Amino acid sequence: METIRTIAWMKEASRKARGEGRIVGLVPTMGALHEGHLSLVRRAQQECSPVTVSIFVNPTQFGPKEDLAKYPRTWEADLQKLEALGVDSVFAPEPSEIYPGGFRTTVHVEGLSERLEGRSRPGHFRGVSTVVLKLLEIVQPHMAYFGRKDAQQARILQQMAADLNLDSEIIVCPIVREPDGLALSSRNAYLKPEERRAAAVLHRALDAARTEMAAGARDALQVQTVMRRVLDAEPLASTDYAELVDAETLEPVTRISRPCYALLAVFFGGTRLLDNMLITPQESGELRFDL
């Protein structure tokens, strides 16, 4: 497994692979790898060779009061996990390599970036979109793999790729969960033991919504009320939002008649966790639930 530190070196490796007719895959990460990340790597390896995993804690997606300095960095453990999977290369540039002096250009996907996470974390998606575009231009993958836990992010990146006619396809993969239903996240490491136990309420809220809809509920406010009720019953949970939104536009829905997301953002102490469920109406009139 090769560790690549510079843009020029990464570009040359990808050009060589493409010149040989190989299918290049990219899994962008900020490190602190867990099974969710590794599931993306395995999916990429089924469809691509070579596969590059980027490890870059992107400073531009953190707000002034957010956790850039304390974001978990587990470099040696990350390398061991990736080597065990047989990853071809790790792209791990320094911030100055990605954002050299005089850097001025950013990417903003209008209409999808302002609500939900964008409202709670101003500038976050501008940083995400910018760094992902740079990674796609540097690595030139045929396919780039992202987890559905960050559903709004994935939708924004799909729109960016379409709008800018990028050659890379954005592949969105299922959420990986702990036995109690908590979605895997690098930020789970911040939770105190009692907060970790309380965080399972995210999955319970989504499951309660699924039960309500399976019983026939189609009114979005009714379903949101069910989720809120479950979240509010957990003393250690402080809800930022619990909404049903259109899967394409991310705008609120009033009735569940087209594909939509149930999206949650909840604080446990100082740690903010996300979760979601994709809801897809079927021709039979029933709903499909992807948790």
C-alpha atoms as a PDB file:
ATOM      1  CA  MET A   1       0.000   0.000   0.000  1.00  0.00           C
ATOM      2  CA  GLU A   2       1.406   3.344  -1.083  1.00  0.00           C
ATOM      3  CA  THR A   3       1.062   6.520   0.999  1.00  0.00           C
ATOM      4  CA  ILE A   4       0.862   9.551  -1.283  1.00  0.00           C
ATOM      5  CA  ARG A   5       1.411  13.027   0.119  1.00  0.00           C
ATOM      6  CA  THR A   6       1.452  15.366  -2.881  1.00  0.00           C
ATOM      7  CA  ILE A   7      -1.064  16.333  -5.538  1.00  0.00           C
ATOM      8  CA  ALA A   8       1.434  15.801  -8.366  1.00  0.00           C
ATOM      9  CA  TRP A   9       2.231  12.280  -7.186  1.00  0.00           C
ATOM     10  CA  MET A  10      -1.455  11.399  -6.788  1.00  0.00           C
ATOM     11  CA  LYS A  11      -2.323  12.732 -10.227  1.00  0.00           C
ATOM     12  CA  GLU A  12       0.484  10.770 -11.832  1.00  0.00           C
ATOM     13  CA  ALA A  13      -0.598   7.518 -10.135  1.00  0.00           C
ATOM     14  CA  SER A  14      -4.179   8.001 -11.314  1.00  0.00           C
ATOM     15  CA  ARG A  15      -3.128   8.933 -14.856  1.00  0.00           C
ATOM     16  CA  LYS A  16      -1.076   5.753 -15.034  1.00  0.00           C
ATOM     17  CA  ALA A  17      -3.979   3.593 -13.837  1.00  0.00           C
ATOM     18  CA  ARG A  18      -6.413   5.200 -16.277  1.00  0.00           C
ATOM     19  CA  GLY A  19      -3.890   4.821 -19.077  1.00  0.00           C
ATOM     20  CA  GLU A  20      -3.838   1.089 -18.378  1.00  0.00           C
ATOM     21  CA  GLY A  21      -7.616   0.986 -18.751  1.00  0.00           C
ATOM     22  CA  ARG A  22      -8.238   0.398 -15.045  1.00  0.00           C
ATOM     23  CA  ILE A  23     -11.320   1.609 -13.115  1.00  0.00           C
ATOM     24  CA  VAL A  24     -10.207   4.048 -10.409  1.00  0.00           C
ATOM     25  CA  GLY A  25     -12.179   4.250  -7.151  1.00  0.00           C
ATOM     26  CA  LEU A  26     -11.948   6.825  -4.361  1.00  0.00           C
ATOM     27  CA  VAL A  27     -13.194   6.693  -0.779  1.00  0.00           C
ATOM     28  CA  PRO A  28     -12.824  10.204   0.734  1.00  0.00           C
ATOM     29  CA  THR A  29     -12.479  10.207   4.538  1.00  0.00           C
ATOM     30  CA  MET A  30     -11.233  12.376   7.382  1.00  0.00           C
ATOM     31  CA  GLY A  31      -9.642   9.359   9.057  1.00  0.00           C
ATOM     32  CA  ALA A  32     -10.618   7.865  12.439  1.00  0.00           C
ATOM     33  CA  LEU A  33     -11.796   4.954  10.339  1.00  0.00           C
ATOM     34  CA  HIS A  34     -14.577   2.653  11.523  1.00  0.00           C
ATOM     35  CA  GLU A  35     -16.585  -0.154   9.963  1.00  0.00           C
ATOM     36  CA  GLY A  36     -18.737   2.338   8.083  1.00  0.00           C
ATOM     37  CA  HIS A  37     -15.691   3.611   6.202  1.00  0.00           C
ATOM     38  CA  LEU A  38     -14.409   0.088   5.660  1.00  0.00           C
ATOM     39  CA  SER A  39     -17.736  -0.956   4.141  1.00  0.00           C
ATOM     40  CA  LEU A  40     -17.232   1.804   1.558  1.00  0.00           C
ATOM     41  CA  VAL A  41     -13.748   0.494   0.825  1.00  0.00           C
ATOM     42  CA  ARG A  42     -15.070  -3.042   0.319  1.00  0.00           C
ATOM     43  CA  ARG A  43     -17.781  -1.778  -2.021  1.00  0.00           C
ATOM     44  CA  ALA A  44     -15.195   0.194  -3.991  1.00  0.00           C
ATOM     45  CA  GLN A  45     -12.956  -2.861  -4.275  1.00  0.00           C
ATOM     46  CA  GLN A  46     -15.833  -4.860  -5.769  1.00  0.00           C
ATOM     47  CA  GLU A  47     -16.171  -2.328  -8.578  1.00  0.00           C
ATOM     48  CA  CYS A  48     -12.779  -0.669  -8.972  1.00  0.00           C
ATOM     49  CA  SER A  49      -9.059  -1.300  -9.099  1.00  0.00           C
ATOM     50  CA  PRO A  50      -7.093   0.570  -7.951  1.00  0.00           C
ATOM     51  CA  VAL A  51      -8.844   2.000  -4.896  1.00  0.00           C
ATOM     52  CA  THR A  52      -7.507   5.100  -3.178  1.00  0.00           C
ATOM     53  CA  VAL A  53      -8.633   6.172   0.296  1.00  0.00           C
ATOM     54  CA  SER A  54      -8.037   9.818   1.107  1.00  0.00           C
ATOM     55  CA  ILE A  55      -7.401  10.819   4.713  1.00  0.00           C
ATOM     56  CA  PHE A  56      -7.655  14.572   5.118  1.00  0.00           C
ATOM     57  CA  VAL A  57      -9.179  16.442   8.058  1.00  0.00           C
ATOM     58  CA  ASN A  58     -10.589  19.330   6.050  1.00  0.00           C
ATOM     59  CA  PRO A  59     -10.274  22.604   7.986  1.00  0.00           C
ATOM     60  CA  THR A  60     -12.690  24.552   5.776  1.00  0.00           C
ATOM     61  CA  GLN A  61     -15.745  22.522   6.796  1.00  0.00           C
ATOM     62  CA  PHE A  62     -15.335  23.291  10.505  1.00  0.00           C
ATOM     63  CA  GLY A  63     -16.911  26.374  12.027  1.00  0.00           C
ATOM     64  CA  PRO A  64     -15.043  28.635  14.485  1.00  0.00           C
ATOM     65  CA  LYS A  65     -16.684  26.929  17.480  1.00  0.00           C
ATOM     66  CA  GLU A  66     -16.396  23.385  16.142  1.00  0.00           C
ATOM     67  CA  ASP A  67     -14.043  20.547  16.900  1.00  0.00           C
ATOM     68  CA  LEU A  68     -11.211  20.753  14.331  1.00  0.00           C
ATOM     69  CA  ALA A  69      -8.452  20.654  16.947  1.00  0.00           C
ATOM     70  CA  LYS A  70      -9.925  17.693  18.814  1.00  0.00           C
ATOM     71  CA  TYR A  71     -11.263  15.787  15.805  1.00  0.00           C
ATOM     72  CA  PRO A  72     -10.009  12.207  16.311  1.00  0.00           C
ATOM     73  CA  ARG A  73      -6.810  11.397  14.453  1.00  0.00           C
ATOM     74  CA  THR A  74      -5.807   7.722  14.480  1.00  0.00           C
ATOM     75  CA  TRP A  75      -3.265   7.587  11.679  1.00  0.00           C
ATOM     76  CA  GLU A  76      -1.429   4.359  12.538  1.00  0.00           C
ATOM     77  CA  ALA A  77      -4.623   2.435  13.276  1.00  0.00           C
ATOM     78  CA  ASP A  78      -6.173   3.748  10.046  1.00  0.00           C
ATOM     79  CA  LEU A  79      -3.218   2.558   7.976  1.00  0.00           C
ATOM     80  CA  GLN A  80      -3.343  -0.886   9.574  1.00  0.00           C
ATOM     81  CA  LYS A  81      -7.043  -1.251   8.736  1.00  0.00           C
ATOM     82  CA  LEU A  82      -6.554  -0.163   5.147  1.00  0.00           C
ATOM     83  CA  GLU A  83      -3.505  -2.346   4.619  1.00  0.00           C
ATOM     84  CA  ALA A  84      -5.422  -5.351   5.958  1.00  0.00           C
ATOM     85  CA  LEU A  85      -8.086  -4.705   3.299  1.00  0.00           C
ATOM     86  CA  GLY A  86      -5.506  -4.467   0.535  1.00  0.00           C
ATOM     87  CA  VAL A  87      -6.105  -0.823  -0.363  1.00  0.00           C
ATOM     88  CA  ASP A  88      -3.851   0.291  -3.189  1.00  0.00           C
ATOM     89  CA  SER A  89      -3.009   3.788  -1.978  1.00  0.00           C
ATOM     90  CA  VAL A  90      -3.740   6.349   0.725  1.00  0.00           C
ATOM     91  CA  PHE A  91      -3.792  10.005  -0.281  1.00  0.00           C
ATOM     92  CA  ALA A  92      -2.911  12.013   2.830  1.00  0.00           C
ATOM     93  CA  PRO A  93      -1.906  15.569   1.931  1.00  0.00           C
ATOM     94  CA  GLU A  94      -1.097  18.366   4.345  1.00  0.00           C
ATOM     95  CA  PRO A  95      -3.591  21.260   4.526  1.00  0.00           C
ATOM     96  CA  SER A  96      -1.058  23.532   2.814  1.00  0.00           C
ATOM     97  CA  GLU A  97      -0.993  21.117  -0.132  1.00  0.00           C
ATOM     98  CA  ILE A  98      -4.746  21.372  -0.624  1.00  0.00           C
ATOM     99  CA  TYR A  99      -5.074  25.041   0.322  1.00  0.00           C
ATOM    100  CA  PRO A 100      -1.827  26.800  -0.648  1.00  0.00           C
ATOM    101  CA  GLY A 101      -1.233  30.461   0.049  1.00  0.00           C
ATOM    102  CA  GLY A 102      -3.521  32.659  -2.002  1.00  0.00           C
ATOM    103  CA  PHE A 103      -6.259  30.005  -2.361  1.00  0.00           C
ATOM    104  CA  ARG A 104      -9.508  31.846  -3.213  1.00  0.00           C
ATOM    105  CA  THR A 105     -11.991  29.533  -4.958  1.00  0.00           C
ATOM    106  CA  THR A 106     -14.891  27.782  -3.238  1.00  0.00           C
ATOM    107  CA  VAL A 107     -17.938  25.782  -4.357  1.00  0.00           C
ATOM    108  CA  HIS A 108     -21.475  26.446  -3.161  1.00  0.00           C
ATOM    109  CA  VAL A 109     -24.456  24.337  -4.267  1.00  0.00           C
ATOM    110  CA  GLU A 110     -27.368  26.732  -3.958  1.00  0.00           C
ATOM    111  CA  GLY A 111     -30.758  25.558  -2.791  1.00  0.00           C
ATOM    112  CA  LEU A 112     -29.490  22.374  -1.127  1.00  0.00           C
ATOM    113  CA  SER A 113     -26.866  23.797   1.219  1.00  0.00           C
ATOM    114  CA  GLU A 114     -28.819  26.368   3.221  1.00  0.00           C
ATOM    115  CA  ARG A 115     -31.293  24.270   5.241  1.00  0.00           C
ATOM    116  CA  LEU A 116     -30.848  21.619   7.936  1.00  0.00           C
ATOM    117  CA  GLU A 117     -27.080  21.170   8.407  1.00  0.00           C
ATOM    118  CA  GLY A 118     -26.430  24.344   6.433  1.00  0.00           C
ATOM    119  CA  ARG A 119     -28.610  26.349   8.820  1.00  0.00           C
ATOM    120  CA  SER A 120     -26.961  24.873  11.899  1.00  0.00           C
ATOM    121  CA  ARG A 121     -23.417  24.935  10.503  1.00  0.00           C
ATOM    122  CA  PRO A 122     -23.009  27.971   8.214  1.00  0.00           C
ATOM    123  CA  GLY A 123     -20.269  27.461   5.643  1.00  0.00           C
ATOM    124  CA  HIS A 124     -19.983  23.730   6.319  1.00  0.00           C
ATOM    125  CA  PHE A 125     -21.158  22.549   2.932  1.00  0.00           C
ATOM    126  CA  ARG A 126     -19.092  25.151   1.111  1.00  0.00           C
ATOM    127  CA  GLY A 127     -16.035  23.541   2.711  1.00  0.00           C
ATOM    128  CA  VAL A 128     -17.241  20.013   1.943  1.00  0.00           C
ATOM    129  CA  SER A 129     -18.110  20.742  -1.688  1.00  0.00           C
ATOM    130  CA  THR A 130     -14.832  22.532  -2.291  1.00  0.00           C
ATOM    131  CA  VAL A 131     -12.599  19.818  -0.876  1.00  0.00           C
ATOM    132  CA  VAL A 132     -14.519  17.002  -2.566  1.00  0.00           C
ATOM    133  CA  LEU A 133     -14.299  18.749  -5.931  1.00  0.00           C
ATOM    134  CA  LYS A 134     -10.561  19.126  -5.414  1.00  0.00           C
ATOM    135  CA  LEU A 135     -10.205  15.452  -4.477  1.00  0.00           C
ATOM    136  CA  LEU A 136     -12.187  14.388  -7.526  1.00  0.00           C
ATOM    137  CA  GLU A 137     -10.012  16.555  -9.773  1.00  0.00           C
ATOM    138  CA  ILE A 138      -6.801  15.265  -8.184  1.00  0.00           C
ATOM    139  CA  VAL A 139      -7.613  11.536  -8.018  1.00  0.00           C
ATOM    140  CA  GLN A 140      -9.831  11.473 -11.143  1.00  0.00           C
ATOM    141  CA  PRO A 141     -11.838   8.456  -9.957  1.00  0.00           C
ATOM    142  CA  HIS A 142     -14.481   6.835 -12.101  1.00  0.00           C
ATOM    143  CA  MET A 143     -16.485   6.347  -8.894  1.00  0.00           C
ATOM    144  CA  ALA A 144     -16.332   7.988  -5.449  1.00  0.00           C
ATOM    145  CA  TYR A 145     -18.040   6.368  -2.460  1.00  0.00           C
ATOM    146  CA  PHE A 146     -19.898   8.100   0.382  1.00  0.00           C
ATOM    147  CA  GLY A 147     -22.087   6.878   3.237  1.00  0.00           C
ATOM    148  CA  ARG A 148     -25.796   7.687   3.443  1.00  0.00           C
ATOM    149  CA  LYS A 149     -25.525   8.702   7.092  1.00  0.00           C
ATOM    150  CA  ASP A 150     -24.665  12.184   5.817  1.00  0.00           C
ATOM    151  CA  ALA A 151     -27.651  12.205   3.470  1.00  0.00           C
ATOM    152  CA  GLN A 152     -27.727  15.943   2.802  1.00  0.00           C
ATOM    153  CA  GLN A 153     -24.019  15.955   2.040  1.00  0.00           C
ATOM    154  CA  ALA A 154     -24.398  13.058  -0.383  1.00  0.00           C
ATOM    155  CA  ARG A 155     -27.268  14.775  -2.190  1.00  0.00           C
ATOM    156  CA  ILE A 156     -25.284  18.012  -2.483  1.00  0.00           C
ATOM    157  CA  LEU A 157     -22.281  16.189  -3.922  1.00  0.00           C
ATOM    158  CA  GLN A 158     -24.469  14.374  -6.454  1.00  0.00           C
ATOM    159  CA  GLN A 159     -25.874  17.729  -7.557  1.00  0.00           C
ATOM    160  CA  MET A 160     -22.413  19.262  -7.770  1.00  0.00           C
ATOM    161  CA  ALA A 161     -21.155  16.396  -9.936  1.00  0.00           C
ATOM    162  CA  ALA A 162     -24.162  16.719 -12.259  1.00  0.00           C
ATOM    163  CA  ASP A 163     -24.054  20.518 -12.493  1.00  0.00           C
ATOM    164  CA  LEU A 164     -20.326  20.648 -13.226  1.00  0.00           C
ATOM    165  CA  ASN A 165     -20.378  17.693 -15.663  1.00  0.00           C
ATOM    166  CA  LEU A 166     -17.832  15.776 -13.631  1.00  0.00           C
ATOM    167  CA  ASP A 167     -16.698  12.406 -14.926  1.00  0.00           C
ATOM    168  CA  SER A 168     -16.785  10.872 -11.443  1.00  0.00           C
ATOM    169  CA  GLU A 169     -19.956   9.104 -10.333  1.00  0.00           C
ATOM    170  CA  ILE A 170     -21.032   9.691  -6.720  1.00  0.00           C
ATOM    171  CA  ILE A 171     -22.013   6.351  -5.160  1.00  0.00           C
ATOM    172  CA  VAL A 172     -24.069   6.518  -1.944  1.00  0.00           C
ATOM    173  CA  CYS A 173     -23.839   3.405   0.253  1.00  0.00           C
ATOM    174  CA  PRO A 174     -26.014   2.150   3.147  1.00  0.00           C
ATOM    175  CA  ILE A 175     -25.601   3.219   6.768  1.00  0.00           C
ATOM    176  CA  VAL A 176     -23.668   0.819   9.005  1.00  0.00           C
ATOM    177  CA  ARG A 177     -25.009   0.540  12.545  1.00  0.00           C
ATOM    178  CA  GLU A 178     -24.048  -0.708  15.985  1.00  0.00           C
ATOM    179  CA  PRO A 179     -26.123  -3.596  17.445  1.00  0.00           C
ATOM    180  CA  ASP A 180     -28.371  -1.070  19.233  1.00  0.00           C
ATOM    181  CA  GLY A 181     -28.977   0.807  15.991  1.00  0.00           C
ATOM    182  CA  LEU A 182     -26.643   3.780  16.464  1.00  0.00           C
ATOM    183  CA  ALA A 183     -25.144   4.827  13.134  1.00  0.00           C
ATOM    184  CA  LEU A 184     -21.370   4.538  13.088  1.00  0.00           C
ATOM    185  CA  SER A 185     -19.625   7.905  13.200  1.00  0.00           C
ATOM    186  CA  SER A 186     -16.154   9.113  14.116  1.00  0.00           C
ATOM    187  CA  ARG A 187     -17.841  11.527  16.521  1.00  0.00           C
ATOM    188  CA  ASN A 188     -19.267   8.643  18.556  1.00  0.00           C
ATOM    189  CA  ALA A 189     -15.830   8.545  20.202  1.00  0.00           C
ATOM    190  CA  TYR A 190     -16.661  11.854  21.917  1.00  0.00           C
ATOM    191  CA  LEU A 191     -19.625  10.393  23.805  1.00  0.00           C
ATOM    192  CA  LYS A 192     -19.428   9.702  27.510  1.00  0.00           C
ATOM    193  CA  PRO A 193     -20.717   6.226  28.497  1.00  0.00           C
ATOM    194  CA  GLU A 194     -24.113   7.548  29.567  1.00  0.00           C
ATOM    195  CA  GLU A 195     -24.372   9.654  26.388  1.00  0.00           C
ATOM    196  CA  ARG A 196     -23.483   6.637  24.271  1.00  0.00           C
ATOM    197  CA  ARG A 197     -26.333   4.682  25.842  1.00  0.00           C
ATOM    198  CA  ALA A 198     -28.716   7.593  25.315  1.00  0.00           C
ATOM    199  CA  ALA A 199     -27.688   7.998  21.656  1.00  0.00           C
ATOM    200  CA  ALA A 200     -29.549   4.819  20.725  1.00  0.00           C
ATOM    201  CA  VAL A 201     -32.675   7.010  20.900  1.00  0.00           C
ATOM    202  CA  LEU A 202     -31.903   8.206  17.362  1.00  0.00           C
ATOM    203  CA  HIS A 203     -32.620   4.786  15.952  1.00  0.00           C
ATOM    204  CA  ARG A 204     -35.641   4.335  18.211  1.00  0.00           C
ATOM    205  CA  ALA A 205     -37.108   7.594  16.893  1.00  0.00           C
ATOM    206  CA  LEU A 206     -36.662   6.493  13.289  1.00  0.00           C
ATOM    207  CA  ASP A 207     -38.063   3.067  14.089  1.00  0.00           C
ATOM    208  CA  ALA A 208     -41.121   4.671  15.714  1.00  0.00           C
ATOM    209  CA  ALA A 209     -41.627   6.734  12.562  1.00  0.00           C
ATOM    210  CA  ARG A 210     -41.357   3.604  10.450  1.00  0.00           C
ATOM    211  CA  THR A 211     -43.975   1.865  12.604  1.00  0.00           C
ATOM    212  CA  GLU A 212     -46.302   4.859  12.290  1.00  0.00           C
ATOM    213  CA  MET A 213     -45.980   4.956   8.511  1.00  0.00           C
ATOM    214  CA  ALA A 214     -46.291   1.176   8.155  1.00  0.00           C
ATOM    215  CA  ALA A 215     -49.619   1.521   9.978  1.00  0.00           C
ATOM    216  CA  GLY A 216     -50.795   3.959   7.323  1.00  0.00           C
ATOM    217  CA  ALA A 217     -49.647   7.422   8.403  1.00  0.00           C
ATOM    218  CA  ARG A 218     -48.789   9.663   5.452  1.00  0.00           C
ATOM    219  CA  ASP A 219     -48.997  13.090   7.091  1.00  0.00           C
ATOM    220  CA  ALA A 220     -45.454  14.410   7.582  1.00  0.00           C
ATOM    221  CA  LEU A 221     -46.298  16.461  10.672  1.00  0.00           C
ATOM    222  CA  GLN A 222     -47.791  13.394  12.336  1.00  0.00           C
ATOM    223  CA  VAL A 223     -44.638  11.383  11.677  1.00  0.00           C
ATOM    224  CA  GLN A 224     -42.363  14.219  12.813  1.00  0.00           C
ATOM    225  CA  THR A 225     -44.363  14.492  16.031  1.00  0.00           C
ATOM    226  CA  VAL A 226     -43.777  10.802  16.698  1.00  0.00           C
ATOM    227  CA  MET A 227     -40.019  11.216  16.248  1.00  0.00           C
ATOM    228  CA  ARG A 228     -39.946  14.300  18.470  1.00  0.00           C
ATOM    229  CA  ARG A 229     -41.903  12.511  21.186  1.00  0.00           C
ATOM    230  CA  VAL A 230     -39.362   9.685  21.306  1.00  0.00           C
ATOM    231  CA  LEU A 231     -36.393  12.067  21.290  1.00  0.00           C
ATOM    232  CA  ASP A 232     -37.892  14.352  23.937  1.00  0.00           C
ATOM    233  CA  ALA A 233     -38.333  11.364  26.262  1.00  0.00           C
ATOM    234  CA  GLU A 234     -34.533  10.964  26.456  1.00  0.00           C
ATOM    235  CA  PRO A 235     -33.195  13.453  29.062  1.00  0.00           C
ATOM    236  CA  LEU A 236     -29.681  13.536  27.575  1.00  0.00           C
ATOM    237  CA  ALA A 237     -30.893  14.300  24.047  1.00  0.00           C
ATOM    238  CA  SER A 238     -31.321  17.863  22.758  1.00  0.00           C
ATOM    239  CA  THR A 239     -32.900  17.890  19.295  1.00  0.00           C
ATOM    240  CA  ASP A 240     -31.651  20.319  16.664  1.00  0.00           C
ATOM    241  CA  TYR A 241     -34.075  19.089  14.010  1.00  0.00           C
ATOM    242  CA  ALA A 242     -36.305  16.126  13.168  1.00  0.00           C
ATOM    243  CA  GLU A 243     -37.781  16.648   9.704  1.00  0.00           C
ATOM    244  CA  LEU A 244     -39.216  14.907   6.668  1.00  0.00           C
ATOM    245  CA  VAL A 245     -37.857  16.327   3.430  1.00  0.00           C
ATOM    246  CA  ASP A 246     -38.011  15.551  -0.265  1.00  0.00           C
ATOM    247  CA  ALA A 247     -35.114  13.266  -1.228  1.00  0.00           C
ATOM    248  CA  GLU A 248     -34.226  15.406  -4.250  1.00  0.00           C
ATOM    249  CA  THR A 249     -34.880  19.001  -3.187  1.00  0.00           C
ATOM    250  CA  LEU A 250     -34.441  18.581   0.608  1.00  0.00           C
ATOM    251  CA  GLU A 251     -37.474  20.822   1.027  1.00  0.00           C
ATOM    252  CA  PRO A 252     -40.078  19.951   3.699  1.00  0.00           C
ATOM    253  CA  VAL A 253     -42.913  17.668   2.630  1.00  0.00           C
ATOM    254  CA  THR A 254     -46.460  17.738   3.959  1.00  0.00           C
ATOM    255  CA  ARG A 255     -47.456  14.273   2.775  1.00  0.00           C
ATOM    256  CA  ILE A 256     -45.363  11.182   2.115  1.00  0.00           C
ATOM    257  CA  SER A 257     -46.149  10.583  -1.554  1.00  0.00           C
ATOM    258  CA  ARG A 258     -42.667  10.596  -3.117  1.00  0.00           C
ATOM    259  CA  PRO A 259     -39.165   9.562  -1.997  1.00  0.00           C
ATOM    260  CA  CYS A 260     -38.193  11.479   1.139  1.00  0.00           C
ATOM    261  CA  TYR A 261     -35.833  11.400   4.097  1.00  0.00           C
ATOM    262  CA  ALA A 262     -36.563  11.440   7.788  1.00  0.00           C
ATOM    263  CA  LEU A 263     -33.561  13.440   9.023  1.00  0.00           C
ATOM    264  CA  LEU A 264     -32.377  13.807  12.617  1.00  0.00           C
ATOM    265  CA  ALA A 265     -29.692  15.953  14.249  1.00  0.00           C
ATOM    266  CA  VAL A 266     -29.417  15.634  18.020  1.00  0.00           C
ATOM    267  CA  PHE A 267     -26.949  16.826  20.654  1.00  0.00           C
ATOM    268  CA  PHE A 268     -25.727  14.564  23.432  1.00  0.00           C
ATOM    269  CA  GLY A 269     -23.715  16.881  25.634  1.00  0.00           C
ATOM    270  CA  GLY A 270     -21.371  18.672  23.263  1.00  0.00           C
ATOM    271  CA  THR A 271     -21.567  15.970  20.589  1.00  0.00           C
ATOM    272  CA  ARG A 272     -23.931  16.408  17.663  1.00  0.00           C
ATOM    273  CA  LEU A 273     -25.017  13.231  15.885  1.00  0.00           C
ATOM    274  CA  LEU A 274     -26.917  12.668  12.642  1.00  0.00           C
ATOM    275  CA  ASP A 275     -29.150   9.861  11.458  1.00  0.00           C
ATOM    276  CA  ASN A 276     -31.734   9.319   8.745  1.00  0.00           C
ATOM    277  CA  MET A 277     -34.108   6.952   7.024  1.00  0.00           C
ATOM    278  CA  LEU A 278     -34.933   6.904   3.313  1.00  0.00           C
ATOM    279  CA  ILE A 279     -38.651   6.404   2.625  1.00  0.00           C
ATOM    280  CA  THR A 280     -39.673   5.291  -0.866  1.00  0.00           C
ATOM    281  CA  PRO A 281     -43.321   4.812  -1.933  1.00  0.00           C
ATOM    282  CA  GLN A 282     -43.935   1.608  -3.907  1.00  0.00           C
ATOM    283  CA  GLU A 283     -46.423   1.002  -6.711  1.00  0.00           C
ATOM    284  CA  SER A 284     -48.449  -1.140  -4.302  1.00  0.00           C
ATOM    285  CA  GLY A 285     -49.027   1.921  -2.107  1.00  0.00           C
ATOM    286  CA  GLU A 286     -46.793   0.565   0.628  1.00  0.00           C
ATOM    287  CA  LEU A 287     -43.569   2.237   1.675  1.00  0.00           C
ATOM    288  CA  ARG A 288     -40.016   0.950   1.569  1.00  0.00           C
ATOM    289  CA  PHE A 289     -37.838   1.974   4.537  1.00  0.00           C
ATOM    290  CA  ASP A 290     -34.041   2.077   4.300  1.00  0.00           C
ATOM    291  CA  LEU A 291     -32.558   2.517   7.740  1.00  0.00           C
END
